[in-house]
C-alpha atoms as a PDB file:
ATOM      1  CA  MET A   1    -120.616-127.029   0.654  1.00  0.00           C
ATOM      2  CA  SER A   2    -122.565-124.896  -1.826  1.00  0.00           C
ATOM      3  CA  GLU A   3    -119.849-122.231  -1.620  1.00  0.00           C
ATOM      4  CA  THR A   4    -117.283-124.713  -2.920  1.00  0.00           C
ATOM      5  CA  LEU A   5    -119.506-125.680  -5.838  1.00  0.00           C
ATOM      6  CA  GLN A   6    -120.194-122.037  -6.611  1.00  0.00           C
ATOM      7  CA  SER A   7    -116.492-121.145  -6.565  1.00  0.00           C
ATOM      8  CA  LYS A   8    -115.756-124.010  -8.992  1.00  0.00           C
ATOM      9  CA  VAL A   9    -118.437-122.743 -11.359  1.00  0.00           C
ATOM     10  CA  ILE A  10    -116.901-119.247 -11.232  1.00  0.00           C
ATOM     11  CA  GLU A  11    -113.347-120.589 -11.796  1.00  0.00           C
ATOM     12  CA  ARG A  12    -114.209-122.500 -14.970  1.00  0.00           C
ATOM     13  CA  PRO A  13    -115.049-119.458 -17.100  1.00  0.00           C
ATOM     14  CA  LYS A  14    -111.845-117.775 -15.911  1.00  0.00           C
ATOM     15  CA  ALA A  15    -109.822-120.847 -16.881  1.00  0.00           C
ATOM     16  CA  ARG A  16    -111.554-120.952 -20.251  1.00  0.00           C
ATOM     17  CA  GLU A  17    -110.779-117.271 -20.799  1.00  0.00           C
ATOM     18  CA  ARG A  18    -107.116-117.848 -19.901  1.00  0.00           C
ATOM     19  CA  VAL A  19    -106.702-120.690 -22.369  1.00  0.00           C
ATOM     20  CA  GLN A  20    -108.499-118.715 -25.090  1.00  0.00           C
ATOM     21  CA  ASP A  21    -106.189-115.777 -24.373  1.00  0.00           C
ATOM     22  CA  ALA A  22    -103.209-118.124 -24.654  1.00  0.00           C
ATOM     23  CA  LEU A  23    -104.504-119.414 -27.982  1.00  0.00           C
ATOM     24  CA  ALA A  24    -104.911-115.849 -29.243  1.00  0.00           C
ATOM     25  CA  GLU A  25    -101.359-114.935 -28.167  1.00  0.00           C
ATOM     26  CA  ILE A  26     -99.869-118.040 -29.773  1.00  0.00           C
ATOM     27  CA  THR A  27    -101.795-117.419 -32.988  1.00  0.00           C
ATOM     28  CA  THR A  28    -100.577-113.808 -33.026  1.00  0.00           C
ATOM     29  CA  LEU A  29     -96.966-114.903 -32.540  1.00  0.00           C
ATOM     30  CA  LEU A  30     -97.298-117.444 -35.359  1.00  0.00           C
ATOM     31  CA  ARG A  31     -98.730-114.816 -37.717  1.00  0.00           C
ATOM     32  CA  LYS A  32     -95.990-112.365 -36.783  1.00  0.00           C
ATOM     33  CA  HIS A  33     -93.374-115.012 -37.487  1.00  0.00           C
ATOM     34  CA  ARG A  34     -94.828-115.752 -40.926  1.00  0.00           C
ATOM     35  CA  LEU A  35     -95.091-112.056 -41.762  1.00  0.00           C
ATOM     36  CA  VAL A  36     -91.464-111.356 -40.875  1.00  0.00           C
ATOM     37  CA  GLU A  37     -90.290-114.446 -42.753  1.00  0.00           C
ATOM     38  CA  GLY A  38     -92.183-113.256 -45.832  1.00  0.00           C
ATOM     39  CA  LEU A  39     -90.746-109.750 -45.612  1.00  0.00           C
ATOM     40  CA  VAL A  40     -87.176-111.003 -45.271  1.00  0.00           C
ATOM     41  CA  HIS A  41     -87.581-113.366 -48.217  1.00  0.00           C
ATOM     42  CA  GLU A  42     -89.128-110.585 -50.316  1.00  0.00           C
ATOM     43  CA  GLN A  43     -86.226-108.255 -49.534  1.00  0.00           C
ATOM     44  CA  LEU A  44     -83.730-110.947 -50.500  1.00  0.00           C
ATOM     45  CA  GLU A  45     -85.504-111.526 -53.814  1.00  0.00           C
ATOM     46  CA  HIS A  46     -85.487-107.803 -54.649  1.00  0.00           C
ATOM     47  CA  ALA A  47     -81.907-107.143 -53.566  1.00  0.00           C
ATOM     48  CA  PRO A  48     -79.493-106.171 -56.333  1.00  0.00           C
ATOM     49  CA  VAL A  49     -77.355-108.948 -57.769  1.00  0.00           C
ATOM     50  CA  GLY A  50     -74.213-109.398 -55.703  1.00  0.00           C
ATOM     51  CA  ASP A  51     -75.797-107.705 -52.677  1.00  0.00           C
ATOM     52  CA  HIS A  52     -76.592-110.947 -50.858  1.00  0.00           C
ATOM     53  CA  THR A  53     -74.289-110.442 -47.903  1.00  0.00           C
ATOM     54  CA  GLY A  54     -76.120-112.907 -45.713  1.00  0.00           C
ATOM     55  CA  ARG A  55     -77.658-110.113 -43.647  1.00  0.00           C
ATOM     56  CA  GLY A  56     -81.163-111.277 -44.556  1.00  0.00           C
ATOM     57  CA  GLU A  57     -80.440-114.773 -43.323  1.00  0.00           C
ATOM     58  CA  ILE A  58     -79.000-113.368 -40.092  1.00  0.00           C
ATOM     59  CA  VAL A  59     -82.074-111.201 -39.538  1.00  0.00           C
ATOM     60  CA  GLU A  60     -84.389-114.113 -40.287  1.00  0.00           C
ATOM     61  CA  SER A  61     -82.424-116.370 -37.953  1.00  0.00           C
ATOM     62  CA  LEU A  62     -82.511-113.811 -35.148  1.00  0.00           C
ATOM     63  CA  VAL A  63     -86.230-113.158 -35.559  1.00  0.00           C
ATOM     64  CA  THR A  64     -86.933-116.892 -35.725  1.00  0.00           C
ATOM     65  CA  LYS A  65     -84.989-117.497 -32.512  1.00  0.00           C
ATOM     66  CA  GLN A  66     -86.759-114.657 -30.722  1.00  0.00           C
ATOM     67  CA  ASN A  67     -90.155-115.854 -31.893  1.00  0.00           C
ATOM     68  CA  ARG A  68     -89.469-119.457 -30.884  1.00  0.00           C
ATOM     69  CA  ALA A  69     -88.295-118.253 -27.469  1.00  0.00           C
ATOM     70  CA  GLN A  70     -91.509-116.269 -26.964  1.00  0.00           C
ATOM     71  CA  LEU A  71     -93.623-119.238 -28.001  1.00  0.00           C
ATOM     72  CA  THR A  72     -91.649-121.611 -25.788  1.00  0.00           C
ATOM     73  CA  ARG A  73     -92.047-119.327 -22.768  1.00  0.00           C
ATOM     74  CA  LYS A  74     -95.772-119.119 -23.415  1.00  0.00           C
ATOM     75  CA  LEU A  75     -96.088-122.889 -23.780  1.00  0.00           C
ATOM     76  CA  ASP A  76     -94.028-123.531 -20.649  1.00  0.00           C
ATOM     77  CA  ARG A  77     -96.576-121.584 -18.599  1.00  0.00           C
ATOM     78  CA  LEU A  78     -99.522-123.607 -19.892  1.00  0.00           C
ATOM     79  CA  HIS A  79    -101.055-126.701 -18.329  1.00  0.00           C
ATOM     80  CA  PRO A  80    -100.840-129.801 -20.574  1.00  0.00           C
ATOM     81  CA  ALA A  81    -104.633-129.739 -21.046  1.00  0.00           C
ATOM     82  CA  ASP A  82    -104.405-126.136 -22.206  1.00  0.00           C
ATOM     83  CA  ILE A  83    -101.643-127.057 -24.648  1.00  0.00           C
ATOM     84  CA  ALA A  84    -103.894-129.799 -26.015  1.00  0.00           C
ATOM     85  CA  TYR A  85    -106.685-127.247 -26.485  1.00  0.00           C
ATOM     86  CA  VAL A  86    -104.346-124.901 -28.335  1.00  0.00           C
ATOM     87  CA  LEU A  87    -103.010-127.689 -30.550  1.00  0.00           C
ATOM     88  CA  GLU A  88    -106.504-128.835 -31.484  1.00  0.00           C
ATOM     89  CA  ALA A  89    -107.487-125.294 -32.447  1.00  0.00           C
ATOM     90  CA  LEU A  90    -104.549-124.741 -34.822  1.00  0.00           C
ATOM     91  CA  PRO A  91    -104.250-125.728 -38.486  1.00  0.00           C
ATOM     92  CA  LEU A  92    -102.072-128.790 -39.101  1.00  0.00           C
ATOM     93  CA  ASP A  93     -98.871-126.973 -40.148  1.00  0.00           C
ATOM     94  CA  GLU A  94     -98.986-124.657 -37.117  1.00  0.00           C
ATOM     95  CA  ARG A  95     -99.946-127.574 -34.858  1.00  0.00           C
ATOM     96  CA  LEU A  96     -96.853-129.506 -35.923  1.00  0.00           C
ATOM     97  CA  TYR A  97     -94.636-126.441 -35.464  1.00  0.00           C
ATOM     98  CA  ILE A  98     -95.950-125.896 -31.926  1.00  0.00           C
ATOM     99  CA  TRP A  99     -95.873-129.617 -31.082  1.00  0.00           C
ATOM    100  CA  ASP A 100     -92.155-129.753 -31.892  1.00  0.00           C
ATOM    101  CA  MET A 101     -91.591-126.944 -29.398  1.00  0.00           C
ATOM    102  CA  VAL A 102     -93.750-128.585 -26.734  1.00  0.00           C
ATOM    103  CA  ARG A 103     -91.826-131.826 -26.929  1.00  0.00           C
ATOM    104  CA  ALA A 104     -88.512-129.978 -26.740  1.00  0.00           C
ATOM    105  CA  ALA A 105     -89.681-127.978 -23.744  1.00  0.00           C
ATOM    106  CA  ARG A 106     -90.948-131.036 -21.884  1.00  0.00           C
ATOM    107  CA  ASP A 107     -87.903-133.252 -22.461  1.00  0.00           C
ATOM    108  CA  GLY A 108     -86.275-131.866 -19.351  1.00  0.00           C
END
């Protein structure tokens, strides 16, 4: 009986580390997304007049889709309690962004 209790005590730190790792990965993906968005917008602002071919919007759209897919895959692998932990740890704007993806992923 004491072995079972001991194994549960050992498992909890591992679970905590996994959810903290997930939070770190999600935060990194969110920062990467914001950085790329900023770079694309900056390039569009500094482009010569008449040189707005829509390529910037295509790049931004592609990067946004890739980033959302990565985040969705990460969220799909998390337990609902872990998702709650991640949401609570994020600032409001990022929390809402992630929450929209969670609901979409869980709709079936």
